[in-house]
Amino acid sequence: MESSEKEIKRKKRTLSVIIISLFFLWGMANNMTDTLLYTFKSVLNMSNLQTFFIKFASYGAYFCFSLPAFFFIRKHGYKNSIILGLLMYAGGAVLFFPAANLMNYTLYLIAFYIMAGGCSVLETVANPYIMAMESDANKGIRKLNLAQSFNPLGSIFGIIICNIFVMESDTFGFNNNAEIIKEELDTITIVYAAIGQILLIYMMILLFMNVPSYGLTSKDKILFSKSMNRLLNNKSFILGLITMFLYLGAQAGVWSFTTSALKATSNITDESASKWYIAVIAAFMIGRFFFTFLMKYYNHRILLLIAALGALLGTAIVMFAQGIAVLIAIIFISFFMSLMFSTIFGNAIAETFQDRQLASALLIMAILGGAVITTMQGFVVEKFDIQTSYVIPALCFFSVTFYAVYLIMKAQNKYENLT
């Protein structure tokens, strides 16, 4: 009996490692796309509008595929949904072959869209699944924070891959010669094709694994309209959804304008700004591990409030300071942001019960906030300047502060009612 329990725990740990590694994979994909965007713009001679569409395709895919992923999970279960996400991710990566051969912008756009769609499916599956593996909601939120810690690790890995295999060429992006441009695109294609093959191997491993349907029971076979109606009347979920939309906009805005803010306030080169960008992402990764550790000893709602206030202070410094103070402030903003996604997500779905999968899909759709809020911040940059634009993420962090206070007061009221 004891050996049987040990075997069950061992299999659960193995499955946890497999699921958590998914967070690494989509982190790598997202930041490779961001890092290579300016390279594509130069090599393919893209307009600013075309560059925007590639960026928007990634956010749009998250919005468009999350809800279909929910229906697929309900019908086919977690395992098949993970495999579908991996296939889409790999399929998008493989599409870089014909796109490079034809040097075709539209094919690249489709490739990015499908790849991001695969990441959307994986996120829709993995985030609630990690929480469902724990019976206690607080432990589930802490485990989700741990899993999400590997997302920025994948981001850093993706940036490093781009720098080593793609960006370091002396001639990259500065030629009009068709043969050289073809070679440059082939370099990018090889990187994505290698990722596609790794994903297919990963998928084969999953085919032979048992993936229990935590949280998916016969009770979940409910009408979509009734489930949606319950969620729309769930105040905690709706506040969490709005906060998630705004937070993701703040995250995208802070990171998208990091290099511009550093160059505007400090006398540094593009190369130096790019290196400091890696430090900003590294701070995000360190923050996730750090806050996950603190959650063993401190309430995650209090930590969320501290993180929100810290990010607010950081944006104020970016708006009014110059030089090294701006760099330090952005690093600390990234550090404090690390706690927000998982903690907002976990609290938003904590009391959705049989509607948890739909709630998770809607929260993943909120990633569209990254495109909407960043566009608003870009508009402020055009009208005023880069530092003034940080008022947009500041307002978003204020909403996170409000949500943290709401969670603390709600927990306090619940405790008082119990006593």
Protein backbone atom coordinates (compact mmCIF):
# COMPACT_ATOMS: atom_id res chain seq x y z
CA MET A 1 0.00 0.00 0.00
CA GLU A 2 2.81 2.39 0.95
CA SER A 3 4.73 1.62 -2.24
CA SER A 4 1.55 2.23 -4.26
CA GLU A 5 1.16 5.70 -2.68
CA LYS A 6 4.80 6.46 -3.40
CA GLU A 7 4.28 5.43 -7.02
CA ILE A 8 1.24 7.72 -7.31
CA LYS A 9 3.21 10.64 -5.86
CA ARG A 10 6.15 9.92 -8.19
CA LYS A 11 3.87 9.92 -11.24
CA LYS A 12 2.24 13.16 -10.06
CA ARG A 13 5.67 14.82 -9.68
CA THR A 14 6.67 13.64 -13.16
CA LEU A 15 3.45 15.00 -14.62
CA SER A 16 4.00 18.30 -12.78
CA VAL A 17 7.46 18.61 -14.34
CA ILE A 18 6.03 17.93 -17.82
CA ILE A 19 3.22 20.48 -17.43
CA ILE A 20 5.51 23.10 -15.87
CA SER A 21 7.93 22.76 -18.78
CA LEU A 22 5.11 23.99 -21.06
CA PHE A 23 5.43 27.37 -19.36
CA PHE A 24 9.08 27.46 -20.46
CA LEU A 25 8.11 26.63 -24.06
CA TRP A 26 5.60 29.42 -24.63
CA GLY A 27 7.81 31.92 -22.83
CA MET A 28 10.53 31.09 -25.33
CA ALA A 29 8.16 31.47 -28.29
CA ASN A 30 6.75 34.82 -27.19
CA ASN A 31 10.10 36.51 -26.65
CA MET A 32 11.72 35.07 -29.76
CA THR A 33 8.91 36.71 -31.71
CA ASP A 34 9.42 40.05 -29.93
CA THR A 35 13.21 39.93 -30.38
CA LEU A 36 13.07 39.04 -34.07
CA LEU A 37 10.36 41.53 -35.05
CA TYR A 38 12.79 44.37 -35.82
CA THR A 39 15.01 41.93 -37.68
CA PHE A 40 12.12 40.85 -39.89
CA LYS A 41 11.24 44.47 -40.46
CA SER A 42 14.73 45.16 -41.78
CA VAL A 43 15.23 41.95 -43.79
CA LEU A 44 11.78 41.91 -45.41
CA ASN A 45 11.61 45.72 -45.65
CA MET A 46 8.32 45.73 -43.76
CA SER A 47 6.34 48.85 -42.99
CA ASN A 48 5.46 49.83 -39.41
CA LEU A 49 1.90 48.67 -40.10
CA GLN A 50 3.09 45.23 -41.23
CA THR A 51 5.25 44.94 -38.11
CA PHE A 52 2.25 45.88 -35.98
CA PHE A 53 0.12 43.18 -37.64
CA ILE A 54 2.66 40.47 -36.76
CA LYS A 55 2.68 41.66 -33.16
CA PHE A 56 -1.11 41.91 -33.11
CA ALA A 57 -1.40 38.42 -34.67
CA SER A 58 0.23 36.97 -31.55
CA TYR A 59 -2.17 38.74 -29.18
CA GLY A 60 -5.11 38.10 -31.50
CA ALA A 61 -4.37 34.37 -31.57
CA TYR A 62 -4.58 34.23 -27.78
CA PHE A 63 -7.95 35.98 -27.95
CA CYS A 64 -9.31 33.80 -30.78
CA PHE A 65 -8.11 30.35 -29.68
CA SER A 66 -8.78 30.43 -25.92
CA LEU A 67 -12.52 29.83 -26.14
CA PRO A 68 -12.26 27.04 -28.78
CA ALA A 69 -9.58 25.49 -26.53
CA PHE A 70 -12.13 25.49 -23.68
CA PHE A 71 -14.65 23.55 -25.81
CA PHE A 72 -11.92 21.15 -26.97
CA ILE A 73 -10.83 20.47 -23.35
CA ARG A 74 -14.43 19.78 -22.35
CA LYS A 75 -14.89 17.28 -25.17
CA HIS A 76 -11.46 15.65 -25.45
CA GLY A 77 -9.77 16.18 -22.08
CA TYR A 78 -6.49 17.71 -20.96
CA LYS A 79 -4.09 15.28 -22.63
CA ASN A 80 -5.49 15.68 -26.15
CA SER A 81 -5.69 19.45 -25.64
CA ILE A 82 -2.00 19.64 -24.71
CA ILE A 83 -1.14 17.56 -27.79
CA LEU A 84 -3.27 19.89 -29.96
CA GLY A 85 -1.42 22.92 -28.56
CA LEU A 86 1.95 21.32 -29.23
CA LEU A 87 0.94 20.39 -32.78
CA MET A 88 -0.16 23.95 -33.51
CA TYR A 89 3.00 25.40 -31.97
CA ALA A 90 5.15 22.99 -34.01
CA GLY A 91 3.05 23.57 -37.15
CA GLY A 92 3.54 27.32 -36.94
CA ALA A 93 7.29 26.85 -36.50
CA VAL A 94 7.49 24.52 -39.51
CA LEU A 95 5.61 27.07 -41.67
CA PHE A 96 8.75 29.22 -41.51
CA PHE A 97 10.23 26.92 -44.20
CA PRO A 98 7.85 27.91 -47.04
CA ALA A 99 7.73 31.50 -45.75
CA ALA A 100 11.52 31.77 -46.01
CA ASN A 101 11.67 30.06 -49.42
CA LEU A 102 9.09 32.43 -50.86
CA MET A 103 10.22 35.42 -48.74
CA ASN A 104 6.50 35.97 -48.20
CA TYR A 105 5.21 38.29 -45.47
CA THR A 106 1.71 36.76 -45.42
CA LEU A 107 3.07 33.28 -44.76
CA TYR A 108 5.17 34.63 -41.90
CA LEU A 109 2.07 36.30 -40.47
CA ILE A 110 0.14 33.00 -40.66
CA ALA A 111 3.06 31.12 -39.09
CA PHE A 112 3.19 33.51 -36.13
CA TYR A 113 -0.59 33.34 -35.75
CA ILE A 114 -0.72 29.52 -35.67
CA MET A 115 2.26 29.30 -33.34
CA ALA A 116 0.71 31.82 -30.92
CA GLY A 117 -2.59 29.92 -31.20
CA GLY A 118 -0.79 26.79 -30.03
CA CYS A 119 0.62 28.72 -27.07
CA SER A 120 -2.89 29.97 -26.31
CA VAL A 121 -4.23 26.40 -26.18
CA LEU A 122 -1.34 25.34 -23.93
CA GLU A 123 -1.93 28.25 -21.55
CA THR A 124 -5.68 27.58 -21.43
CA VAL A 125 -4.92 23.99 -20.43
CA ALA A 126 -1.88 24.40 -18.20
CA ASN A 127 -2.82 27.29 -15.89
CA PRO A 128 -6.02 25.79 -14.42
CA TYR A 129 -4.58 22.27 -14.55
CA ILE A 130 -1.65 23.23 -12.31
CA MET A 131 -4.13 24.69 -9.79
CA ALA A 132 -6.45 21.69 -10.05
CA MET A 133 -3.59 19.37 -9.04
CA GLU A 134 -3.81 20.88 -5.53
CA SER A 135 -6.97 20.54 -3.44
CA ASP A 136 -6.18 23.69 -1.43
CA ALA A 137 -6.64 26.98 -3.37
CA ASN A 138 -3.73 28.73 -1.61
CA LYS A 139 -1.38 25.86 -2.43
CA GLY A 140 -2.71 25.91 -6.00
CA ILE A 141 -1.90 29.62 -6.38
CA ARG A 142 1.60 29.05 -4.99
CA LYS A 143 2.16 26.13 -7.37
CA LEU A 144 0.95 28.24 -10.29
CA ASN A 145 3.45 30.95 -9.31
CA LEU A 146 6.20 28.31 -9.27
CA ALA A 147 5.15 27.03 -12.71
CA GLN A 148 4.98 30.57 -14.09
CA SER A 149 8.56 31.13 -12.84
CA PHE A 150 9.76 29.01 -15.76
CA ASN A 151 8.00 31.27 -18.27
CA PRO A 152 10.57 34.13 -18.04
CA LEU A 153 13.33 31.51 -17.99
CA GLY A 154 12.07 30.44 -21.42
CA SER A 155 11.89 34.11 -22.43
CA ILE A 156 15.57 34.67 -21.57
CA PHE A 157 16.51 31.45 -23.37
CA GLY A 158 14.62 32.62 -26.48
CA ILE A 159 16.39 35.99 -26.46
CA ILE A 160 19.79 34.31 -26.08
CA ILE A 161 19.05 31.92 -28.97
CA CYS A 162 18.15 34.88 -31.18
CA ASN A 163 21.34 36.72 -30.21
CA ILE A 164 23.61 33.70 -30.76
CA PHE A 165 22.17 32.19 -33.92
CA VAL A 166 20.50 35.14 -35.63
CA MET A 167 21.31 38.64 -34.45
CA GLU A 168 25.11 38.47 -34.13
CA SER A 169 25.83 38.38 -37.84
CA ASP A 170 27.64 41.58 -38.90
CA THR A 171 25.56 41.88 -42.04
CA PHE A 172 22.21 40.81 -40.63
CA GLY A 173 19.42 43.09 -41.74
CA PHE A 174 21.67 45.47 -43.70
CA ASN A 175 21.65 43.98 -47.21
CA ASN A 176 19.54 44.44 -50.28
CA ASN A 177 21.11 41.43 -52.00
CA ALA A 178 18.41 38.77 -52.50
CA GLU A 179 20.78 35.84 -51.87
CA ILE A 180 22.04 37.31 -48.58
CA ILE A 181 18.48 38.09 -47.47
CA LYS A 182 17.57 34.47 -48.29
CA GLU A 183 20.46 33.23 -46.14
CA GLU A 184 19.36 35.45 -43.26
CA LEU A 185 15.79 34.17 -43.43
CA ASP A 186 17.07 30.59 -43.61
CA THR A 187 18.98 31.18 -40.37
CA ILE A 188 15.74 32.20 -38.65
CA THR A 189 13.93 29.23 -40.21
CA ILE A 190 16.47 26.73 -38.88
CA VAL A 191 16.00 28.04 -35.34
CA TYR A 192 12.20 27.71 -35.50
CA ALA A 193 12.37 24.34 -37.28
CA ALA A 194 14.58 22.98 -34.49
CA ILE A 195 12.00 24.13 -31.94
CA GLY A 196 9.27 22.43 -33.99
CA GLN A 197 11.13 19.12 -33.89
CA ILE A 198 11.68 19.37 -30.13
CA LEU A 199 7.95 19.96 -29.68
CA LEU A 200 7.08 16.89 -31.74
CA ILE A 201 9.40 14.75 -29.59
CA TYR A 202 7.76 16.26 -26.53
CA MET A 203 4.35 15.36 -27.96
CA MET A 204 5.41 11.73 -28.50
CA ILE A 205 6.42 11.48 -24.83
CA LEU A 206 3.00 12.81 -23.77
CA LEU A 207 1.21 10.24 -25.94
CA PHE A 208 2.47 7.47 -23.65
CA MET A 209 1.77 9.32 -20.38
CA ASN A 210 -1.30 9.16 -18.19
CA VAL A 211 -2.76 12.64 -17.71
CA PRO A 212 -5.53 12.51 -15.07
CA SER A 213 -8.48 14.83 -15.60
CA TYR A 214 -8.16 16.87 -12.41
CA GLY A 215 -11.19 19.07 -12.07
CA LEU A 216 -12.96 17.62 -15.13
CA THR A 217 -15.89 15.42 -14.09
CA SER A 218 -19.34 14.59 -15.37
CA LYS A 219 -20.57 17.62 -13.44
CA ASP A 220 -18.72 19.78 -15.95
CA LYS A 221 -21.04 18.74 -18.78
CA ILE A 222 -23.05 21.91 -18.43
CA LEU A 223 -24.58 24.41 -20.81
CA PHE A 224 -22.18 27.10 -21.99
CA SER A 225 -24.84 29.82 -21.60
CA LYS A 226 -25.52 28.87 -17.96
CA SER A 227 -21.82 28.72 -17.20
CA MET A 228 -21.23 32.12 -18.80
CA ASN A 229 -24.19 33.60 -16.92
CA ARG A 230 -22.80 32.41 -13.59
CA LEU A 231 -19.40 33.91 -14.36
CA LEU A 232 -20.92 37.25 -15.39
CA ASN A 233 -22.63 37.37 -12.00
CA ASN A 234 -19.49 36.38 -10.12
CA LYS A 235 -18.09 39.69 -8.82
CA SER A 236 -14.71 38.24 -7.83
CA PHE A 237 -14.20 36.74 -11.28
CA ILE A 238 -15.28 39.86 -13.19
CA LEU A 239 -12.94 42.07 -11.13
CA GLY A 240 -10.16 39.55 -11.71
CA LEU A 241 -10.84 39.51 -15.46
CA ILE A 242 -10.72 43.31 -15.73
CA THR A 243 -7.58 43.45 -13.59
CA MET A 244 -5.94 40.76 -15.71
CA PHE A 245 -6.68 42.69 -18.93
CA LEU A 246 -5.16 45.86 -17.48
CA TYR A 247 -2.19 44.12 -15.87
CA LEU A 248 -1.24 42.34 -19.10
CA GLY A 249 -1.45 45.68 -20.88
CA ALA A 250 0.90 47.19 -18.31
CA GLN A 251 3.36 44.30 -18.64
CA ALA A 252 3.40 44.52 -22.43
CA GLY A 253 3.73 48.31 -22.30
CA VAL A 254 6.59 48.36 -19.79
CA TRP A 255 8.57 45.75 -21.73
CA SER A 256 7.76 47.06 -25.22
CA PHE A 257 9.02 50.55 -24.37
CA THR A 258 11.93 49.55 -22.12
CA THR A 259 14.70 50.13 -24.67
CA SER A 260 13.11 53.39 -25.86
CA ALA A 261 12.83 54.65 -22.27
CA LEU A 262 16.45 53.74 -21.53
CA LYS A 263 17.75 55.48 -24.66
CA ALA A 264 15.61 58.57 -24.01
CA THR A 265 16.81 59.02 -20.44
CA SER A 266 20.38 57.67 -20.63
CA ASN A 267 23.27 58.03 -23.05
CA ILE A 268 23.38 54.37 -24.10
CA THR A 269 23.52 52.54 -27.44
CA ASP A 270 20.95 50.17 -28.93
CA GLU A 271 23.23 47.23 -28.10
CA SER A 272 23.52 48.25 -24.43
CA ALA A 273 19.77 48.82 -24.19
CA SER A 274 19.15 45.31 -25.58
CA LYS A 275 21.46 43.80 -22.97
CA TRP A 276 19.72 45.68 -20.19
CA TYR A 277 16.41 44.36 -21.53
CA ILE A 278 17.63 40.84 -20.72
CA ALA A 279 18.36 42.07 -17.17
CA VAL A 280 14.76 43.36 -16.97
CA ILE A 281 13.40 39.93 -17.96
CA ALA A 282 15.84 38.25 -15.55
CA ALA A 283 14.47 40.43 -12.72
CA PHE A 284 11.00 39.16 -13.63
CA MET A 285 12.20 35.54 -13.39
CA ILE A 286 14.01 36.11 -10.06
CA GLY A 287 10.91 37.86 -8.72
CA ARG A 288 8.71 34.86 -9.49
CA PHE A 289 10.96 32.42 -7.64
CA PHE A 290 11.37 34.92 -4.78
CA PHE A 291 7.64 35.58 -4.33
CA THR A 292 6.85 31.85 -4.63
CA PHE A 293 9.23 31.29 -1.71
CA LEU A 294 7.62 34.12 0.32
CA MET A 295 4.17 32.62 -0.23
CA LYS A 296 5.14 29.79 2.12
CA TYR A 297 5.21 32.31 4.97
CA TYR A 298 3.08 35.29 3.91
CA ASN A 299 -0.43 35.72 2.53
CA HIS A 300 -0.39 36.04 -1.27
CA ARG A 301 -2.98 38.84 -1.15
CA ILE A 302 -0.70 41.00 1.00
CA LEU A 303 2.22 40.22 -1.32
CA LEU A 304 0.10 41.26 -4.31
CA LEU A 305 -0.64 44.61 -2.66
CA ILE A 306 3.07 45.19 -1.93
CA ALA A 307 3.97 44.25 -5.52
CA ALA A 308 1.32 46.59 -6.97
CA LEU A 309 2.50 49.51 -4.82
CA GLY A 310 6.13 48.76 -5.74
CA ALA A 311 5.28 48.78 -9.46
CA LEU A 312 3.36 52.06 -9.03
CA LEU A 313 6.38 53.66 -7.38
CA GLY A 314 8.62 52.35 -10.17
CA THR A 315 6.46 53.90 -12.91
CA ALA A 316 6.50 57.25 -11.07
CA ILE A 317 10.31 57.16 -11.03
CA VAL A 318 10.44 56.33 -14.76
CA MET A 319 8.16 59.29 -15.49
CA PHE A 320 10.20 61.89 -13.62
CA ALA A 321 13.80 60.62 -13.23
CA GLN A 322 16.82 60.45 -15.54
CA GLY A 323 19.82 58.18 -16.07
CA ILE A 324 20.52 55.12 -13.93
CA ALA A 325 17.43 55.74 -11.75
CA VAL A 326 15.18 54.94 -14.75
CA LEU A 327 17.02 51.68 -15.42
CA ILE A 328 16.78 50.60 -11.79
CA ALA A 329 13.10 51.56 -11.67
CA ILE A 330 12.25 49.49 -14.77
CA ILE A 331 14.13 46.49 -13.35
CA PHE A 332 12.13 46.79 -10.13
CA ILE A 333 8.84 47.19 -12.01
CA SER A 334 9.59 43.92 -13.79
CA PHE A 335 10.51 42.30 -10.46
CA PHE A 336 7.21 43.35 -8.87
CA MET A 337 5.15 42.38 -11.95
CA SER A 338 6.35 38.79 -11.57
CA LEU A 339 3.78 38.02 -8.87
CA MET A 340 0.79 39.51 -10.63
CA PHE A 341 -0.35 37.19 -13.44
CA SER A 342 -0.47 33.96 -11.42
CA THR A 343 -1.94 35.56 -8.30
CA ILE A 344 -4.65 37.45 -10.21
CA PHE A 345 -5.40 34.33 -12.26
CA GLY A 346 -5.56 32.04 -9.23
CA ASN A 347 -7.83 34.33 -7.22
CA ALA A 348 -10.09 35.02 -10.20
CA ILE A 349 -10.86 31.32 -10.74
CA ALA A 350 -10.72 30.27 -7.06
CA GLU A 351 -14.51 30.42 -6.62
CA THR A 352 -15.67 29.54 -10.13
CA PHE A 353 -15.99 25.81 -9.29
CA GLN A 354 -17.57 23.89 -12.22
CA ASP A 355 -17.05 26.95 -14.44
CA ARG A 356 -13.27 27.01 -13.86
CA GLN A 357 -12.30 25.95 -17.39
CA LEU A 358 -14.44 28.63 -19.03
CA ALA A 359 -13.17 31.21 -16.53
CA SER A 360 -9.59 30.23 -17.39
CA ALA A 361 -10.25 30.57 -21.12
CA LEU A 362 -11.70 34.07 -20.62
CA LEU A 363 -8.69 35.09 -18.53
CA ILE A 364 -6.33 33.91 -21.29
CA MET A 365 -8.38 35.93 -23.79
CA ALA A 366 -7.57 38.97 -21.63
CA ILE A 367 -4.03 38.78 -23.06
CA LEU A 368 -5.50 40.96 -25.81
CA GLY A 369 -4.99 43.75 -23.28
CA GLY A 370 -1.31 43.61 -24.20
CA ALA A 371 -2.17 44.85 -27.70
CA VAL A 372 -4.84 47.37 -26.68
CA ILE A 373 -2.98 49.04 -23.80
CA THR A 374 0.35 49.08 -25.66
CA THR A 375 -1.34 50.84 -28.59
CA MET A 376 -2.69 53.45 -26.15
CA GLN A 377 0.76 53.91 -24.67
CA GLY A 378 2.22 54.27 -28.17
CA PHE A 379 -0.32 57.01 -28.88
CA VAL A 380 0.84 58.90 -25.74
CA VAL A 381 4.47 58.50 -26.90
CA GLU A 382 3.58 60.09 -30.24
CA LYS A 383 1.66 62.98 -28.66
CA PHE A 384 4.01 63.65 -25.75
CA ASP A 385 7.10 61.54 -24.93
CA ILE A 386 8.22 58.12 -23.74
CA GLN A 387 8.36 59.06 -20.05
CA THR A 388 4.86 60.56 -20.02
CA SER A 389 3.56 57.37 -21.64
CA TYR A 390 4.32 55.44 -18.45
CA VAL A 391 1.19 57.00 -16.96
CA ILE A 392 -0.70 54.24 -18.83
CA PRO A 393 0.94 51.28 -17.00
CA ALA A 394 0.73 53.35 -13.78
CA LEU A 395 -3.07 53.45 -14.10
CA CYS A 396 -3.07 49.71 -14.77
CA PHE A 397 -0.99 49.03 -11.66
CA PHE A 398 -3.44 51.16 -9.70
CA SER A 399 -6.18 48.72 -10.76
CA VAL A 400 -4.03 45.82 -9.45
CA THR A 401 -3.68 47.72 -6.16
CA PHE A 402 -7.47 48.09 -5.96
CA TYR A 403 -7.94 44.37 -6.70
CA ALA A 404 -5.42 43.39 -3.99
CA VAL A 405 -7.25 45.56 -1.43
CA TYR A 406 -10.54 43.97 -2.50
CA LEU A 407 -9.11 40.46 -1.99
CA ILE A 408 -7.74 41.36 1.46
CA MET A 409 -11.07 42.86 2.58
CA LYS A 410 -12.99 39.89 1.19
CA ALA A 411 -10.77 37.41 3.04
CA GLN A 412 -11.08 39.46 6.24
CA ASN A 413 -14.89 39.49 6.00
CA LYS A 414 -14.93 35.75 5.42
CA TYR A 415 -12.74 35.20 8.47
CA GLU A 416 -14.98 37.43 10.63
CA ASN A 417 -18.09 35.55 9.48
CA LEU A 418 -16.46 32.25 10.44
CA THR A 419 -15.57 33.51 13.90
